[in-house]
Amino acid sequence: MKHRLMLLLLLGSLSNSALAIVIGGTNLGVFGYPDHSCRKPHKPIKPYSLNSRWEVDSYNRQVDSYNFELQRYIACMKEYLENASNDMKRIEEKMEEAIAEAKRPSF
């Protein structure tokens, strides 16, 4: 819904600005715009009591693993969003090109 609203706002605010080439990754696919494939990690469940050193170490390893997976998830989402932004810029470029072509006189 947000993307549709942004596209509508974009359509209404196009100007005769200089065209630019977008360099960067893309999410565009053959079958439409894909969902992200980032896997959100689950927080480890802290036991009610940590009675032994083994239980403490085990829980600490789970927390470390969660923190590592969380950083991977954040990086994955950032890349997806950056690529989506690049794709919106590419679409805007094509729209501006079409507007410029339509405004050119035909002979």
PDB file of N, CA and C in Angstrom:
ATOM      1  N   MET A   1       0.814  -1.177   0.000  1.00  0.00           N
ATOM      2  CA  MET A   1       0.000   0.000   0.000  1.00  0.00           C
ATOM      3  C   MET A   1       0.869   1.257   0.000  1.00  0.00           C
ATOM      4  N   LYS A   2       1.926   1.254   0.822  1.00  0.00           N
ATOM      5  CA  LYS A   2       2.823   2.407   0.866  1.00  0.00           C
ATOM      6  C   LYS A   2       3.468   2.653  -0.496  1.00  0.00           C
ATOM      7  N   HIS A   3       3.863   1.546  -1.159  1.00  0.00           N
ATOM      8  CA  HIS A   3       4.546   1.689  -2.443  1.00  0.00           C
ATOM      9  C   HIS A   3       3.602   2.248  -3.496  1.00  0.00           C
ATOM     10  N   ARG A   4       2.341   1.844  -3.447  1.00  0.00           N
ATOM     11  CA  ARG A   4       1.361   2.378  -4.397  1.00  0.00           C
ATOM     12  C   ARG A   4       1.171   3.862  -4.181  1.00  0.00           C
ATOM     13  N   LEU A   5       1.065   4.258  -2.914  1.00  0.00           N
ATOM     14  CA  LEU A   5       0.907   5.665  -2.596  1.00  0.00           C
ATOM     15  C   LEU A   5       2.120   6.458  -3.064  1.00  0.00           C
ATOM     16  N   MET A   6       3.324   5.907  -2.819  1.00  0.00           N
ATOM     17  CA  MET A   6       4.540   6.591  -3.256  1.00  0.00           C
ATOM     18  C   MET A   6       4.559   6.736  -4.770  1.00  0.00           C
ATOM     19  N   LEU A   7       4.122   5.690  -5.494  1.00  0.00           N
ATOM     20  CA  LEU A   7       4.105   5.744  -6.947  1.00  0.00           C
ATOM     21  C   LEU A   7       3.118   6.795  -7.432  1.00  0.00           C
ATOM     22  N   LEU A   8       1.953   6.882  -6.790  1.00  0.00           N
ATOM     23  CA  LEU A   8       0.978   7.899  -7.169  1.00  0.00           C
ATOM     24  C   LEU A   8       1.519   9.300  -6.923  1.00  0.00           C
ATOM     25  N   LEU A   9       2.180   9.472  -5.777  1.00  0.00           N
ATOM     26  CA  LEU A   9       2.787  10.773  -5.499  1.00  0.00           C
ATOM     27  C   LEU A   9       3.876  11.096  -6.505  1.00  0.00           C
ATOM     28  N   LEU A  10       4.627  10.077  -6.866  1.00  0.00           N
ATOM     29  CA  LEU A  10       5.696  10.251  -7.841  1.00  0.00           C
ATOM     30  C   LEU A  10       5.131  10.655  -9.194  1.00  0.00           C
ATOM     31  N   LEU A  11       4.054  10.016  -9.604  1.00  0.00           N
ATOM     32  CA  LEU A  11       3.433  10.345 -10.882  1.00  0.00           C
ATOM     33  C   LEU A  11       2.989  11.800 -10.923  1.00  0.00           C
ATOM     34  N   GLY A  12       2.505  12.286  -9.808  1.00  0.00           N
ATOM     35  CA  GLY A  12       2.029  13.657  -9.757  1.00  0.00           C
ATOM     36  C   GLY A  12       3.136  14.686  -9.646  1.00  0.00           C
ATOM     37  N   SER A  13       4.340  14.266  -9.332  1.00  0.00           N
ATOM     38  CA  SER A  13       5.409  15.241  -9.083  1.00  0.00           C
ATOM     39  C   SER A  13       6.552  15.160 -10.087  1.00  0.00           C
ATOM     40  N   LEU A  14       6.339  14.486 -11.217  1.00  0.00           N
ATOM     41  CA  LEU A  14       7.412  14.390 -12.204  1.00  0.00           C
ATOM     42  C   LEU A  14       7.694  15.758 -12.814  1.00  0.00           C
ATOM     43  N   SER A  15       8.946  16.032 -13.060  1.00  0.00           N
ATOM     44  CA  SER A  15       9.334  17.290 -13.688  1.00  0.00           C
ATOM     45  C   SER A  15      10.288  16.983 -14.823  1.00  0.00           C
ATOM     46  N   ASN A  16      10.749  17.989 -15.495  1.00  0.00           N
ATOM     47  CA  ASN A  16      11.696  17.817 -16.600  1.00  0.00           C
ATOM     48  C   ASN A  16      13.117  17.789 -16.087  1.00  0.00           C
ATOM     49  N   SER A  17      13.379  17.016 -15.078  1.00  0.00           N
ATOM     50  CA  SER A  17      14.725  16.938 -14.528  1.00  0.00           C
ATOM     51  C   SER A  17      15.608  16.104 -15.442  1.00  0.00           C
ATOM     52  N   ALA A  18      16.911  16.241 -15.255  1.00  0.00           N
ATOM     53  CA  ALA A  18      17.870  15.489 -16.059  1.00  0.00           C
ATOM     54  C   ALA A  18      17.755  14.006 -15.738  1.00  0.00           C
ATOM     55  N   LEU A  19      17.882  13.207 -16.762  1.00  0.00           N
ATOM     56  CA  LEU A  19      17.814  11.769 -16.565  1.00  0.00           C
ATOM     57  C   LEU A  19      19.132  11.259 -16.001  1.00  0.00           C
ATOM     58  N   ALA A  20      19.043  10.290 -15.125  1.00  0.00           N
ATOM     59  CA  ALA A  20      20.234   9.706 -14.515  1.00  0.00           C
ATOM     60  C   ALA A  20      20.173   8.197 -14.682  1.00  0.00           C
ATOM     61  N   ILE A  21      21.313   7.596 -14.654  1.00  0.00           N
ATOM     62  CA  ILE A  21      21.385   6.141 -14.739  1.00  0.00           C
ATOM     63  C   ILE A  21      21.521   5.599 -13.330  1.00  0.00           C
ATOM     64  N   VAL A  22      20.688   4.625 -13.009  1.00  0.00           N
ATOM     65  CA  VAL A  22      20.722   4.004 -11.685  1.00  0.00           C
ATOM     66  C   VAL A  22      21.654   2.810 -11.739  1.00  0.00           C
ATOM     67  N   ILE A  23      22.607   2.801 -10.835  1.00  0.00           N
ATOM     68  CA  ILE A  23      23.539   1.683 -10.730  1.00  0.00           C
ATOM     69  C   ILE A  23      23.324   1.042  -9.372  1.00  0.00           C
ATOM     70  N   GLY A  24      23.182  -0.255  -9.363  1.00  0.00           N
ATOM     71  CA  GLY A  24      22.981  -0.965  -8.103  1.00  0.00           C
ATOM     72  C   GLY A  24      22.152  -2.204  -8.338  1.00  0.00           C
ATOM     73  N   GLY A  25      21.959  -2.961  -7.287  1.00  0.00           N
ATOM     74  CA  GLY A  25      21.208  -4.204  -7.372  1.00  0.00           C
ATOM     75  C   GLY A  25      19.747  -3.965  -7.685  1.00  0.00           C
ATOM     76  N   THR A  26      19.048  -5.051  -7.982  1.00  0.00           N
ATOM     77  CA  THR A  26      17.625  -4.989  -8.281  1.00  0.00           C
ATOM     78  C   THR A  26      16.922  -6.196  -7.683  1.00  0.00           C
ATOM     79  N   ASN A  27      15.632  -6.040  -7.446  1.00  0.00           N
ATOM     80  CA  ASN A  27      14.785  -7.143  -7.013  1.00  0.00           C
ATOM     81  C   ASN A  27      13.824  -7.568  -8.122  1.00  0.00           C
ATOM     82  N   LEU A  28      13.811  -6.839  -9.236  1.00  0.00           N
ATOM     83  CA  LEU A  28      12.850  -7.118 -10.293  1.00  0.00           C
ATOM     84  C   LEU A  28      13.036  -8.526 -10.816  1.00  0.00           C
ATOM     85  N   GLY A  29      11.930  -9.209 -10.975  1.00  0.00           N
ATOM     86  CA  GLY A  29      11.978 -10.572 -11.461  1.00  0.00           C
ATOM     87  C   GLY A  29      10.995 -10.775 -12.590  1.00  0.00           C
ATOM     88  N   VAL A  30      11.015 -11.940 -13.175  1.00  0.00           N
ATOM     89  CA  VAL A  30      10.153 -12.274 -14.301  1.00  0.00           C
ATOM     90  C   VAL A  30       8.687 -12.290 -13.887  1.00  0.00           C
ATOM     91  N   PHE A  31       8.388 -12.697 -12.676  1.00  0.00           N
ATOM     92  CA  PHE A  31       7.011 -12.883 -12.224  1.00  0.00           C
ATOM     93  C   PHE A  31       6.528 -11.767 -11.308  1.00  0.00           C
ATOM     94  N   GLY A  32       7.002 -10.571 -11.512  1.00  0.00           N
ATOM     95  CA  GLY A  32       6.573  -9.457 -10.682  1.00  0.00           C
ATOM     96  C   GLY A  32       7.576  -9.182  -9.580  1.00  0.00           C
ATOM     97  N   TYR A  33       7.185  -8.273  -8.706  1.00  0.00           N
ATOM     98  CA  TYR A  33       8.102  -7.869  -7.655  1.00  0.00           C
ATOM     99  C   TYR A  33       8.090  -8.894  -6.527  1.00  0.00           C
ATOM    100  N   PRO A  34       9.254  -9.414  -6.201  1.00  0.00           N
ATOM    101  CA  PRO A  34       9.308 -10.487  -5.200  1.00  0.00           C
ATOM    102  C   PRO A  34       9.251  -9.969  -3.768  1.00  0.00           C
ATOM    103  N   ASP A  35       8.799 -10.839  -2.886  1.00  0.00           N
ATOM    104  CA  ASP A  35       8.914 -10.575  -1.457  1.00  0.00           C
ATOM    105  C   ASP A  35      10.374 -10.763  -1.064  1.00  0.00           C
ATOM    106  N   HIS A  36      10.747 -10.222   0.060  1.00  0.00           N
ATOM    107  CA  HIS A  36      12.116 -10.445   0.538  1.00  0.00           C
ATOM    108  C   HIS A  36      12.257 -11.905   0.957  1.00  0.00           C
ATOM    109  N   SER A  37      13.484 -12.371   0.974  1.00  0.00           N
ATOM    110  CA  SER A  37      13.750 -13.759   1.379  1.00  0.00           C
ATOM    111  C   SER A  37      14.563 -13.814   2.674  1.00  0.00           C
ATOM    112  N   CYS A  38      14.536 -12.713   3.416  1.00  0.00           N
ATOM    113  CA  CYS A  38      15.297 -12.630   4.659  1.00  0.00           C
ATOM    114  C   CYS A  38      14.575 -13.402   5.763  1.00  0.00           C
ATOM    115  N   ARG A  39      15.348 -14.184   6.503  1.00  0.00           N
ATOM    116  CA  ARG A  39      14.769 -14.964   7.594  1.00  0.00           C
ATOM    117  C   ARG A  39      15.018 -14.261   8.919  1.00  0.00           C
ATOM    118  N   LYS A  40      13.935 -13.909   9.596  1.00  0.00           N
ATOM    119  CA  LYS A  40      14.035 -13.228  10.886  1.00  0.00           C
ATOM    120  C   LYS A  40      14.330 -14.265  11.966  1.00  0.00           C
ATOM    121  N   PRO A  41      15.380 -14.048  12.744  1.00  0.00           N
ATOM    122  CA  PRO A  41      15.717 -15.030  13.786  1.00  0.00           C
ATOM    123  C   PRO A  41      14.751 -14.944  14.961  1.00  0.00           C
ATOM    124  N   HIS A  42      14.654 -16.029  15.690  1.00  0.00           N
ATOM    125  CA  HIS A  42      13.820 -16.077  16.892  1.00  0.00           C
ATOM    126  C   HIS A  42      14.712 -15.929  18.123  1.00  0.00           C
ATOM    127  N   LYS A  43      14.250 -15.104  19.029  1.00  0.00           N
ATOM    128  CA  LYS A  43      15.007 -14.916  20.266  1.00  0.00           C
ATOM    129  C   LYS A  43      15.057 -16.220  21.045  1.00  0.00           C
ATOM    130  N   PRO A  44      16.188 -16.478  21.672  1.00  0.00           N
ATOM    131  CA  PRO A  44      16.248 -17.672  22.513  1.00  0.00           C
ATOM    132  C   PRO A  44      15.373 -17.470  23.760  1.00  0.00           C
ATOM    133  N   ILE A  45      14.810 -18.538  24.212  1.00  0.00           N
ATOM    134  CA  ILE A  45      13.972 -18.480  25.406  1.00  0.00           C
ATOM    135  C   ILE A  45      14.859 -18.717  26.624  1.00  0.00           C
ATOM    136  N   LYS A  46      14.841 -17.749  27.497  1.00  0.00           N
ATOM    137  CA  LYS A  46      15.669 -17.868  28.701  1.00  0.00           C
ATOM    138  C   LYS A  46      14.979 -18.805  29.690  1.00  0.00           C
ATOM    139  N   PRO A  47      15.704 -19.796  30.160  1.00  0.00           N
ATOM    140  CA  PRO A  47      15.118 -20.707  31.150  1.00  0.00           C
ATOM    141  C   PRO A  47      14.804 -19.960  32.444  1.00  0.00           C
ATOM    142  N   TYR A  48      13.862 -20.516  33.207  1.00  0.00           N
ATOM    143  CA  TYR A  48      13.514 -19.901  34.477  1.00  0.00           C
ATOM    144  C   TYR A  48      14.708 -19.835  35.417  1.00  0.00           C
ATOM    145  N   SER A  49      15.529 -20.845  35.344  1.00  0.00           N
ATOM    146  CA  SER A  49      16.728 -20.828  36.185  1.00  0.00           C
ATOM    147  C   SER A  49      17.874 -21.477  35.420  1.00  0.00           C
ATOM    148  N   LEU A  50      19.033 -20.950  35.631  1.00  0.00           N
ATOM    149  CA  LEU A  50      20.251 -21.508  35.046  1.00  0.00           C
ATOM    150  C   LEU A  50      21.030 -22.128  36.194  1.00  0.00           C
ATOM    151  N   ASN A  51      20.865 -23.433  36.368  1.00  0.00           N
ATOM    152  CA  ASN A  51      21.402 -24.106  37.552  1.00  0.00           C
ATOM    153  C   ASN A  51      22.835 -24.589  37.404  1.00  0.00           C
ATOM    154  N   SER A  52      23.285 -24.720  36.208  1.00  0.00           N
ATOM    155  CA  SER A  52      24.637 -25.254  36.033  1.00  0.00           C
ATOM    156  C   SER A  52      25.419 -24.382  35.053  1.00  0.00           C
ATOM    157  N   ARG A  53      26.705 -24.549  35.085  1.00  0.00           N
ATOM    158  CA  ARG A  53      27.572 -23.829  34.155  1.00  0.00           C
ATOM    159  C   ARG A  53      27.234 -24.207  32.711  1.00  0.00           C
ATOM    160  N   TRP A  54      26.903 -25.495  32.502  1.00  0.00           N
ATOM    161  CA  TRP A  54      26.536 -25.971  31.170  1.00  0.00           C
ATOM    162  C   TRP A  54      25.300 -25.237  30.657  1.00  0.00           C
ATOM    163  N   GLU A  55      24.279 -25.041  31.500  1.00  0.00           N
ATOM    164  CA  GLU A  55      23.062 -24.332  31.106  1.00  0.00           C
ATOM    165  C   GLU A  55      23.358 -22.872  30.777  1.00  0.00           C
ATOM    166  N   VAL A  56      24.218 -22.244  31.563  1.00  0.00           N
ATOM    167  CA  VAL A  56      24.603 -20.853  31.313  1.00  0.00           C
ATOM    168  C   VAL A  56      25.340 -20.750  29.984  1.00  0.00           C
ATOM    169  N   ASP A  57      26.309 -21.644  29.762  1.00  0.00           N
ATOM    170  CA  ASP A  57      27.064 -21.638  28.508  1.00  0.00           C
ATOM    171  C   ASP A  57      26.158 -21.903  27.313  1.00  0.00           C
ATOM    172  N   SER A  58      25.240 -22.828  27.465  1.00  0.00           N
ATOM    173  CA  SER A  58      24.316 -23.149  26.387  1.00  0.00           C
ATOM    174  C   SER A  58      23.446 -21.942  26.040  1.00  0.00           C
ATOM    175  N   TYR A  59      22.923 -21.292  27.036  1.00  0.00           N
ATOM    176  CA  TYR A  59      22.103 -20.106  26.800  1.00  0.00           C
ATOM    177  C   TYR A  59      22.931 -18.990  26.161  1.00  0.00           C
ATOM    178  N   ASN A  60      24.140 -18.779  26.630  1.00  0.00           N
ATOM    179  CA  ASN A  60      25.014 -17.755  26.058  1.00  0.00           C
ATOM    180  C   ASN A  60      25.313 -18.039  24.588  1.00  0.00           C
ATOM    181  N   ARG A  61      25.506 -19.313  24.233  1.00  0.00           N
ATOM    182  CA  ARG A  61      25.731 -19.673  22.831  1.00  0.00           C
ATOM    183  C   ARG A  61      24.486 -19.364  21.988  1.00  0.00           C
ATOM    184  N   GLN A  62      23.317 -19.620  22.550  1.00  0.00           N
ATOM    185  CA  GLN A  62      22.077 -19.314  21.839  1.00  0.00           C
ATOM    186  C   GLN A  62      21.933 -17.809  21.609  1.00  0.00           C
ATOM    187  N   VAL A  63      22.283 -17.024  22.618  1.00  0.00           N
ATOM    188  CA  VAL A  63      22.221 -15.565  22.494  1.00  0.00           C
ATOM    189  C   VAL A  63      23.220 -15.092  21.438  1.00  0.00           C
ATOM    190  N   ASP A  64      24.442 -15.625  21.470  1.00  0.00           N
ATOM    191  CA  ASP A  64      25.447 -15.256  20.468  1.00  0.00           C
ATOM    192  C   ASP A  64      24.974 -15.606  19.064  1.00  0.00           C
ATOM    193  N   SER A  65      24.398 -16.778  18.920  1.00  0.00           N
ATOM    194  CA  SER A  65      23.882 -17.204  17.619  1.00  0.00           C
ATOM    195  C   SER A  65      22.753 -16.284  17.161  1.00  0.00           C
ATOM    196  N   TYR A  66      21.863 -15.935  18.078  1.00  0.00           N
ATOM    197  CA  TYR A  66      20.769 -15.019  17.752  1.00  0.00           C
ATOM    198  C   TYR A  66      21.315 -13.667  17.301  1.00  0.00           C
ATOM    199  N   ASN A  67      22.282 -13.132  18.025  1.00  0.00           N
ATOM    200  CA  ASN A  67      22.861 -11.831  17.665  1.00  0.00           C
ATOM    201  C   ASN A  67      23.495 -11.871  16.283  1.00  0.00           C
ATOM    202  N   PHE A  68      24.191 -12.955  15.964  1.00  0.00           N
ATOM    203  CA  PHE A  68      24.802 -13.111  14.649  1.00  0.00           C
ATOM    204  C   PHE A  68      23.725 -13.174  13.561  1.00  0.00           C
ATOM    205  N   GLU A  69      22.704 -13.994  13.786  1.00  0.00           N
ATOM    206  CA  GLU A  69      21.613 -14.128  12.811  1.00  0.00           C
ATOM    207  C   GLU A  69      20.837 -12.826  12.658  1.00  0.00           C
ATOM    208  N   LEU A  70      20.688 -12.069  13.731  1.00  0.00           N
ATOM    209  CA  LEU A  70      20.004 -10.785  13.672  1.00  0.00           C
ATOM    210  C   LEU A  70      20.770  -9.806  12.781  1.00  0.00           C
ATOM    211  N   GLN A  71      22.089  -9.790  12.903  1.00  0.00           N
ATOM    212  CA  GLN A  71      22.903  -8.918  12.050  1.00  0.00           C
ATOM    213  C   GLN A  71      22.774  -9.319  10.581  1.00  0.00           C
ATOM    214  N   ARG A  72      22.738 -10.612  10.306  1.00  0.00           N
ATOM    215  CA  ARG A  72      22.529 -11.092   8.933  1.00  0.00           C
ATOM    216  C   ARG A  72      21.156 -10.676   8.413  1.00  0.00           C
ATOM    217  N   TYR A  73      20.145 -10.779   9.265  1.00  0.00           N
ATOM    218  CA  TYR A  73      18.788 -10.387   8.886  1.00  0.00           C
ATOM    219  C   TYR A  73      18.727  -8.896   8.557  1.00  0.00           C
ATOM    220  N   ILE A  74      19.327  -8.081   9.397  1.00  0.00           N
ATOM    221  CA  ILE A  74      19.331  -6.633   9.173  1.00  0.00           C
ATOM    222  C   ILE A  74      20.049  -6.304   7.865  1.00  0.00           C
ATOM    223  N   ALA A  75      21.186  -6.931   7.616  1.00  0.00           N
ATOM    224  CA  ALA A  75      21.927  -6.686   6.372  1.00  0.00           C
ATOM    225  C   ALA A  75      21.098  -7.117   5.165  1.00  0.00           C
ATOM    226  N   CYS A  76      20.429  -8.246   5.262  1.00  0.00           N
ATOM    227  CA  CYS A  76      19.587  -8.744   4.171  1.00  0.00           C
ATOM    228  C   CYS A  76      18.450  -7.762   3.882  1.00  0.00           C
ATOM    229  N   MET A  77      17.790  -7.278   4.924  1.00  0.00           N
ATOM    230  CA  MET A  77      16.681  -6.341   4.746  1.00  0.00           C
ATOM    231  C   MET A  77      17.179  -5.011   4.166  1.00  0.00           C
ATOM    232  N   LYS A  78      18.336  -4.547   4.628  1.00  0.00           N
ATOM    233  CA  LYS A  78      18.892  -3.310   4.081  1.00  0.00           C
ATOM    234  C   LYS A  78      19.158  -3.459   2.589  1.00  0.00           C
ATOM    235  N   GLU A  79      19.722  -4.594   2.186  1.00  0.00           N
ATOM    236  CA  GLU A  79      19.988  -4.823   0.769  1.00  0.00           C
ATOM    237  C   GLU A  79      18.686  -4.875  -0.029  1.00  0.00           C
ATOM    238  N   TYR A  80      17.680  -5.563   0.480  1.00  0.00           N
ATOM    239  CA  TYR A  80      16.391  -5.644  -0.200  1.00  0.00           C
ATOM    240  C   TYR A  80      15.800  -4.243  -0.383  1.00  0.00           C
ATOM    241  N   LEU A  81      15.815  -3.438   0.676  1.00  0.00           N
ATOM    242  CA  LEU A  81      15.242  -2.096   0.607  1.00  0.00           C
ATOM    243  C   LEU A  81      16.050  -1.183  -0.315  1.00  0.00           C
ATOM    244  N   GLU A  82      17.372  -1.315  -0.301  1.00  0.00           N
ATOM    245  CA  GLU A  82      18.211  -0.521  -1.205  1.00  0.00           C
ATOM    246  C   GLU A  82      17.922  -0.896  -2.655  1.00  0.00           C
ATOM    247  N   ASN A  83      17.798  -2.186  -2.909  1.00  0.00           N
ATOM    248  CA  ASN A  83      17.470  -2.634  -4.260  1.00  0.00           C
ATOM    249  C   ASN A  83      16.090  -2.141  -4.684  1.00  0.00           C
ATOM    250  N   ALA A  84      15.139  -2.166  -3.764  1.00  0.00           N
ATOM    251  CA  ALA A  84      13.798  -1.669  -4.068  1.00  0.00           C
ATOM    252  C   ALA A  84      13.848  -0.181  -4.413  1.00  0.00           C
ATOM    253  N   SER A  85      14.653   0.557  -3.684  1.00  0.00           N
ATOM    254  CA  SER A  85      14.810   1.986  -3.979  1.00  0.00           C
ATOM    255  C   SER A  85      15.419   2.186  -5.363  1.00  0.00           C
ATOM    256  N   ASN A  86      16.429   1.379  -5.704  1.00  0.00           N
ATOM    257  CA  ASN A  86      17.020   1.444  -7.046  1.00  0.00           C
ATOM    258  C   ASN A  86      15.971   1.154  -8.108  1.00  0.00           C
ATOM    259  N   ASP A  87      15.134   0.166  -7.857  1.00  0.00           N
ATOM    260  CA  ASP A  87      14.104  -0.197  -8.824  1.00  0.00           C
ATOM    261  C   ASP A  87      13.109   0.937  -9.014  1.00  0.00           C
ATOM    262  N   MET A  88      12.727   1.618  -7.924  1.00  0.00           N
ATOM    263  CA  MET A  88      11.813   2.748  -8.050  1.00  0.00           C
ATOM    264  C   MET A  88      12.451   3.868  -8.867  1.00  0.00           C
ATOM    265  N   LYS A  89      13.759   4.077  -8.698  1.00  0.00           N
ATOM    266  CA  LYS A  89      14.455   5.097  -9.492  1.00  0.00           C
ATOM    267  C   LYS A  89      14.479   4.710 -10.963  1.00  0.00           C
ATOM    268  N   ARG A  90      14.669   3.423 -11.250  1.00  0.00           N
ATOM    269  CA  ARG A  90      14.658   2.964 -12.642  1.00  0.00           C
ATOM    270  C   ARG A  90      13.287   3.192 -13.274  1.00  0.00           C
ATOM    271  N   ILE A  91      12.235   2.911 -12.518  1.00  0.00           N
ATOM    272  CA  ILE A  91      10.880   3.123 -13.021  1.00  0.00           C
ATOM    273  C   ILE A  91      10.651   4.606 -13.271  1.00  0.00           C
ATOM    274  N   GLU A  92      11.105   5.441 -12.350  1.00  0.00           N
ATOM    275  CA  GLU A  92      10.966   6.884 -12.525  1.00  0.00           C
ATOM    276  C   GLU A  92      11.708   7.350 -13.780  1.00  0.00           C
ATOM    277  N   GLU A  93      12.910   6.824 -14.016  1.00  0.00           N
ATOM    278  CA  GLU A  93      13.660   7.180 -15.222  1.00  0.00           C
ATOM    279  C   GLU A  93      12.861   6.860 -16.475  1.00  0.00           C
ATOM    280  N   LYS A  94      12.287   5.652 -16.515  1.00  0.00           N
ATOM    281  CA  LYS A  94      11.520   5.253 -17.693  1.00  0.00           C
ATOM    282  C   LYS A  94      10.291   6.137 -17.871  1.00  0.00           C
ATOM    283  N   MET A  95       9.666   6.524 -16.773  1.00  0.00           N
ATOM    284  CA  MET A  95       8.515   7.416 -16.863  1.00  0.00           C
ATOM    285  C   MET A  95       8.939   8.781 -17.407  1.00  0.00           C
ATOM    286  N   GLU A  96      10.065   9.290 -16.917  1.00  0.00           N
ATOM    287  CA  GLU A  96      10.553  10.589 -17.396  1.00  0.00           C
ATOM    288  C   GLU A  96      10.929  10.513 -18.877  1.00  0.00           C
ATOM    289  N   GLU A  97      11.530   9.397 -19.291  1.00  0.00           N
ATOM    290  CA  GLU A  97      11.858   9.219 -20.710  1.00  0.00           C
ATOM    291  C   GLU A  97      10.592   9.218 -21.560  1.00  0.00           C
ATOM    292  N   ALA A  98       9.555   8.540 -21.102  1.00  0.00           N
ATOM    293  CA  ALA A  98       8.296   8.484 -21.848  1.00  0.00           C
ATOM    294  C   ALA A  98       7.650   9.863 -21.936  1.00  0.00           C
ATOM    295  N   ILE A  99       7.681  10.621 -20.850  1.00  0.00           N
ATOM    296  CA  ILE A  99       7.127  11.976 -20.855  1.00  0.00           C
ATOM    297  C   ILE A  99       7.906  12.853 -21.819  1.00  0.00           C
ATOM    298  N   ALA A 100       9.241  12.770 -21.770  1.00  0.00           N
ATOM    299  CA  ALA A 100      10.071  13.580 -22.672  1.00  0.00           C
ATOM    300  C   ALA A 100       9.783  13.216 -24.127  1.00  0.00           C
ATOM    301  N   GLU A 101       9.632  11.929 -24.407  1.00  0.00           N
ATOM    302  CA  GLU A 101       9.332  11.504 -25.781  1.00  0.00           C
ATOM    303  C   GLU A 101       7.969  12.022 -26.213  1.00  0.00           C
ATOM    304  N   ALA A 102       6.999  11.977 -25.343  1.00  0.00           N
ATOM    305  CA  ALA A 102       5.648  12.444 -25.684  1.00  0.00           C
ATOM    306  C   ALA A 102       5.631  13.949 -25.929  1.00  0.00           C
ATOM    307  N   LYS A 103       6.507  14.683 -25.270  1.00  0.00           N
ATOM    308  CA  LYS A 103       6.543  16.153 -25.423  1.00  0.00           C
ATOM    309  C   LYS A 103       7.301  16.601 -26.673  1.00  0.00           C
ATOM    310  N   ARG A 104       8.163  15.706 -27.214  1.00  0.00           N
ATOM    311  CA  ARG A 104       8.924  16.073 -28.406  1.00  0.00           C
ATOM    312  C   ARG A 104       8.002  16.208 -29.607  1.00  0.00           C
ATOM    313  N   PRO A 105       8.228  17.255 -30.397  1.00  0.00           N
ATOM    314  CA  PRO A 105       7.380  17.398 -31.599  1.00  0.00           C
ATOM    315  C   PRO A 105       7.679  16.279 -32.602  1.00  0.00           C
ATOM    316  N   SER A 106       6.651  15.831 -33.257  1.00  0.00           N
ATOM    317  CA  SER A 106       6.861  14.815 -34.300  1.00  0.00           C
ATOM    318  C   SER A 106       6.787  15.496 -35.659  1.00  0.00           C
ATOM    319  N   PHE A 107       7.602  15.027 -36.559  1.00  0.00           N
ATOM    320  CA  PHE A 107       7.662  15.632 -37.891  1.00  0.00           C
ATOM    321  C   PHE A 107       7.183  14.673 -38.931  1.00  0.00           C
TER     322      PHE A 107
END
